[in-house]
Amino acid sequence: METQNITLSLPKSVLRRMKLLAAQRQSSVSRLLTQAVENMLAEETEYDAARKRQTKLLEKGFNLGFHKPANRDELHER
């Protein structure tokens, strides 16, 4: 995979905590951030796909077993 460097500004306290976390996980700050961004993108992609599936279902509608009476007389029939 081809990579490209970016410049990122973080508060010193956040960077310090990120370095500690990376050391605990035997990783690098760069790798942790890459994983976090990849996870966000995957979640967003999954969300979009689920939203599209559900929108199609709503557009199609659901059979709830109800049928509309043909006219007023049928509705008030006893």
N, C-alpha and C. Protein backbone atom coordinates (compact mmCIF):
# COMPACT_ATOMS: atom_id res chain seq x y z
N MET A 1 0.84 -1.17 0.00
CA MET A 1 0.00 0.00 0.00
C MET A 1 0.89 1.23 0.00
N GLU A 2 0.61 2.13 -0.89
CA GLU A 2 1.37 3.37 -0.96
C GLU A 2 0.88 4.32 0.13
N THR A 3 1.80 4.98 0.79
CA THR A 3 1.43 5.90 1.86
C THR A 3 1.91 7.30 1.53
N GLN A 4 1.33 8.26 2.24
CA GLN A 4 1.73 9.65 2.09
C GLN A 4 1.75 10.27 3.47
N ASN A 5 2.78 11.01 3.75
CA ASN A 5 2.91 11.69 5.03
C ASN A 5 2.00 12.90 5.09
N ILE A 6 1.49 13.17 6.30
CA ILE A 6 0.70 14.36 6.54
C ILE A 6 1.24 15.04 7.80
N THR A 7 0.89 16.28 7.97
CA THR A 7 1.22 17.00 9.19
C THR A 7 -0.03 17.06 10.04
N LEU A 8 0.10 16.71 11.30
CA LEU A 8 -1.03 16.66 12.21
C LEU A 8 -0.66 17.40 13.48
N SER A 9 -1.50 18.30 13.90
CA SER A 9 -1.26 19.03 15.14
C SER A 9 -2.17 18.48 16.23
N LEU A 10 -1.57 18.04 17.31
CA LEU A 10 -2.31 17.51 18.45
C LEU A 10 -1.87 18.25 19.70
N PRO A 11 -2.78 18.40 20.65
CA PRO A 11 -2.35 18.94 21.94
C PRO A 11 -1.28 18.02 22.55
N LYS A 12 -0.33 18.62 23.25
CA LYS A 12 0.77 17.84 23.82
C LYS A 12 0.27 16.74 24.73
N SER A 13 -0.76 17.00 25.52
CA SER A 13 -1.28 15.99 26.43
C SER A 13 -1.83 14.78 25.67
N VAL A 14 -2.49 15.05 24.54
CA VAL A 14 -3.04 13.96 23.72
C VAL A 14 -1.91 13.16 23.09
N LEU A 15 -0.91 13.84 22.57
CA LEU A 15 0.22 13.16 21.96
C LEU A 15 0.96 12.30 22.98
N ARG A 16 1.13 12.81 24.17
CA ARG A 16 1.80 12.05 25.23
C ARG A 16 1.02 10.75 25.52
N ARG A 17 -0.30 10.88 25.62
CA ARG A 17 -1.13 9.69 25.88
C ARG A 17 -1.09 8.72 24.71
N MET A 18 -1.07 9.26 23.49
CA MET A 18 -0.99 8.40 22.29
C MET A 18 0.31 7.62 22.28
N LYS A 19 1.42 8.29 22.64
CA LYS A 19 2.70 7.59 22.67
C LYS A 19 2.70 6.48 23.71
N LEU A 20 2.10 6.74 24.87
CA LEU A 20 2.01 5.70 25.90
C LEU A 20 1.17 4.52 25.41
N LEU A 21 0.05 4.82 24.79
CA LEU A 21 -0.82 3.76 24.28
C LEU A 21 -0.11 2.95 23.20
N ALA A 22 0.58 3.63 22.31
CA ALA A 22 1.32 2.94 21.25
C ALA A 22 2.38 2.02 21.85
N ALA A 23 3.09 2.50 22.86
CA ALA A 23 4.12 1.68 23.50
C ALA A 23 3.49 0.46 24.17
N GLN A 24 2.36 0.65 24.82
CA GLN A 24 1.67 -0.47 25.48
C GLN A 24 1.23 -1.52 24.46
N ARG A 25 0.86 -1.08 23.30
CA ARG A 25 0.39 -2.00 22.26
C ARG A 25 1.50 -2.43 21.32
N GLN A 26 2.71 -2.04 21.63
CA GLN A 26 3.87 -2.35 20.81
C GLN A 26 3.62 -1.94 19.35
N SER A 27 3.20 -0.72 19.20
CA SER A 27 2.87 -0.16 17.90
C SER A 27 3.47 1.24 17.81
N SER A 28 3.12 1.94 16.76
CA SER A 28 3.56 3.32 16.61
C SER A 28 2.32 4.22 16.65
N VAL A 29 2.55 5.48 16.91
CA VAL A 29 1.45 6.45 16.89
C VAL A 29 0.85 6.49 15.49
N SER A 30 1.69 6.45 14.49
CA SER A 30 1.22 6.47 13.11
C SER A 30 0.29 5.29 12.83
N ARG A 31 0.69 4.10 13.27
CA ARG A 31 -0.12 2.90 13.03
C ARG A 31 -1.44 2.98 13.78
N LEU A 32 -1.42 3.46 15.02
CA LEU A 32 -2.66 3.59 15.79
C LEU A 32 -3.63 4.56 15.10
N LEU A 33 -3.10 5.68 14.64
CA LEU A 33 -3.95 6.65 13.96
C LEU A 33 -4.49 6.10 12.64
N THR A 34 -3.65 5.37 11.92
CA THR A 34 -4.09 4.76 10.66
C THR A 34 -5.23 3.78 10.92
N GLN A 35 -5.08 2.94 11.95
CA GLN A 35 -6.13 1.98 12.29
C GLN A 35 -7.43 2.70 12.69
N ALA A 36 -7.30 3.78 13.46
CA ALA A 36 -8.49 4.52 13.89
C ALA A 36 -9.22 5.11 12.68
N VAL A 37 -8.49 5.69 11.75
CA VAL A 37 -9.11 6.27 10.56
C VAL A 37 -9.72 5.19 9.69
N GLU A 38 -9.02 4.06 9.52
CA GLU A 38 -9.57 2.95 8.73
C GLU A 38 -10.86 2.44 9.35
N ASN A 39 -10.91 2.33 10.67
CA ASN A 39 -12.13 1.88 11.36
C ASN A 39 -13.28 2.85 11.14
N MET A 40 -12.99 4.15 11.23
CA MET A 40 -14.04 5.15 10.99
C MET A 40 -14.59 5.05 9.57
N LEU A 41 -13.69 4.89 8.61
CA LEU A 41 -14.12 4.79 7.21
C LEU A 41 -14.93 3.52 6.98
N ALA A 42 -14.54 2.41 7.58
CA ALA A 42 -15.28 1.16 7.43
C ALA A 42 -16.67 1.29 8.05
N GLU A 43 -16.76 1.89 9.22
CA GLU A 43 -18.06 2.09 9.87
C GLU A 43 -18.96 2.96 9.01
N GLU A 44 -18.39 4.01 8.44
CA GLU A 44 -19.17 4.92 7.60
C GLU A 44 -19.68 4.19 6.36
N THR A 45 -18.83 3.37 5.75
CA THR A 45 -19.22 2.61 4.57
C THR A 45 -20.33 1.62 4.92
N GLU A 46 -20.19 0.92 6.05
CA GLU A 46 -21.21 -0.03 6.49
C GLU A 46 -22.52 0.68 6.80
N TYR A 47 -22.43 1.85 7.43
CA TYR A 47 -23.62 2.62 7.75
C TYR A 47 -24.35 3.04 6.47
N ASP A 48 -23.60 3.54 5.49
CA ASP A 48 -24.21 3.95 4.23
C ASP A 48 -24.90 2.79 3.53
N ALA A 49 -24.26 1.63 3.53
CA ALA A 49 -24.87 0.45 2.89
C ALA A 49 -26.14 0.05 3.62
N ALA A 50 -26.11 0.05 4.94
CA ALA A 50 -27.30 -0.32 5.72
C ALA A 50 -28.42 0.68 5.50
N ARG A 51 -28.08 1.97 5.45
CA ARG A 51 -29.09 3.01 5.22
C ARG A 51 -29.74 2.83 3.86
N LYS A 52 -28.95 2.51 2.84
CA LYS A 52 -29.51 2.30 1.50
C LYS A 52 -30.44 1.08 1.48
N ARG A 53 -30.02 -0.01 2.16
CA ARG A 53 -30.88 -1.20 2.21
C ARG A 53 -32.21 -0.88 2.90
N GLN A 54 -32.16 -0.18 4.00
CA GLN A 54 -33.37 0.13 4.74
C GLN A 54 -34.26 1.11 3.98
N THR A 55 -33.66 2.04 3.28
CA THR A 55 -34.44 2.99 2.48
C THR A 55 -35.20 2.25 1.39
N LYS A 56 -34.54 1.28 0.74
CA LYS A 56 -35.22 0.49 -0.29
C LYS A 56 -36.40 -0.28 0.30
N LEU A 57 -36.21 -0.86 1.50
CA LEU A 57 -37.30 -1.58 2.14
C LEU A 57 -38.46 -0.65 2.46
N LEU A 58 -38.17 0.54 2.94
CA LEU A 58 -39.23 1.49 3.26
C LEU A 58 -39.96 1.96 2.02
N GLU A 59 -39.23 2.15 0.92
CA GLU A 59 -39.87 2.57 -0.33
C GLU A 59 -40.79 1.48 -0.86
N LYS A 60 -40.37 0.23 -0.69
CA LYS A 60 -41.18 -0.90 -1.14
C LYS A 60 -42.42 -1.03 -0.27
N GLY A 61 -42.24 -0.84 1.03
CA GLY A 61 -43.36 -0.96 1.95
C GLY A 61 -43.47 -2.38 2.50
N PHE A 62 -44.35 -2.53 3.46
CA PHE A 62 -44.53 -3.82 4.12
C PHE A 62 -46.00 -4.21 4.08
N ASN A 63 -46.27 -5.48 3.92
CA ASN A 63 -47.63 -5.97 3.98
C ASN A 63 -47.96 -6.22 5.44
N LEU A 64 -48.83 -5.39 6.00
CA LEU A 64 -49.20 -5.52 7.40
C LEU A 64 -50.51 -6.27 7.57
N GLY A 65 -50.99 -6.86 6.49
CA GLY A 65 -52.20 -7.67 6.56
C GLY A 65 -53.48 -6.84 6.57
N PHE A 66 -53.40 -5.59 6.28
CA PHE A 66 -54.56 -4.72 6.28
C PHE A 66 -54.98 -4.44 4.84
N HIS A 67 -56.25 -4.53 4.58
CA HIS A 67 -56.73 -4.16 3.25
C HIS A 67 -57.75 -3.03 3.40
N LYS A 68 -57.63 -2.08 2.54
CA LYS A 68 -58.50 -0.91 2.60
C LYS A 68 -59.86 -1.28 2.00
N PRO A 69 -60.95 -0.97 2.73
CA PRO A 69 -62.28 -1.24 2.17
C PRO A 69 -62.48 -0.48 0.86
N ALA A 70 -63.23 -1.08 -0.03
CA ALA A 70 -63.43 -0.49 -1.35
C ALA A 70 -64.23 0.80 -1.28
N ASN A 71 -65.18 0.88 -0.33
CA ASN A 71 -65.99 2.10 -0.26
C ASN A 71 -66.50 2.31 1.17
N ARG A 72 -67.23 3.40 1.36
CA ARG A 72 -67.72 3.78 2.68
C ARG A 72 -68.70 2.76 3.23
N ASP A 73 -69.54 2.20 2.36
CA ASP A 73 -70.55 1.22 2.81
C ASP A 73 -69.89 -0.01 3.40
N GLU A 74 -68.83 -0.50 2.76
CA GLU A 74 -68.12 -1.66 3.29
C GLU A 74 -67.52 -1.35 4.65
N LEU A 75 -67.02 -0.15 4.82
CA LEU A 75 -66.39 0.25 6.06
C LEU A 75 -67.40 0.21 7.19
N HIS A 76 -68.64 0.65 6.94
CA HIS A 76 -69.65 0.75 7.98
C HIS A 76 -70.61 -0.44 7.98
N GLU A 77 -70.28 -1.48 7.25
CA GLU A 77 -71.11 -2.67 7.17
C GLU A 77 -71.13 -3.38 8.52
N ARG A 78 -72.30 -3.85 8.94
CA ARG A 78 -72.41 -4.52 10.25
C ARG A 78 -72.82 -5.94 10.08
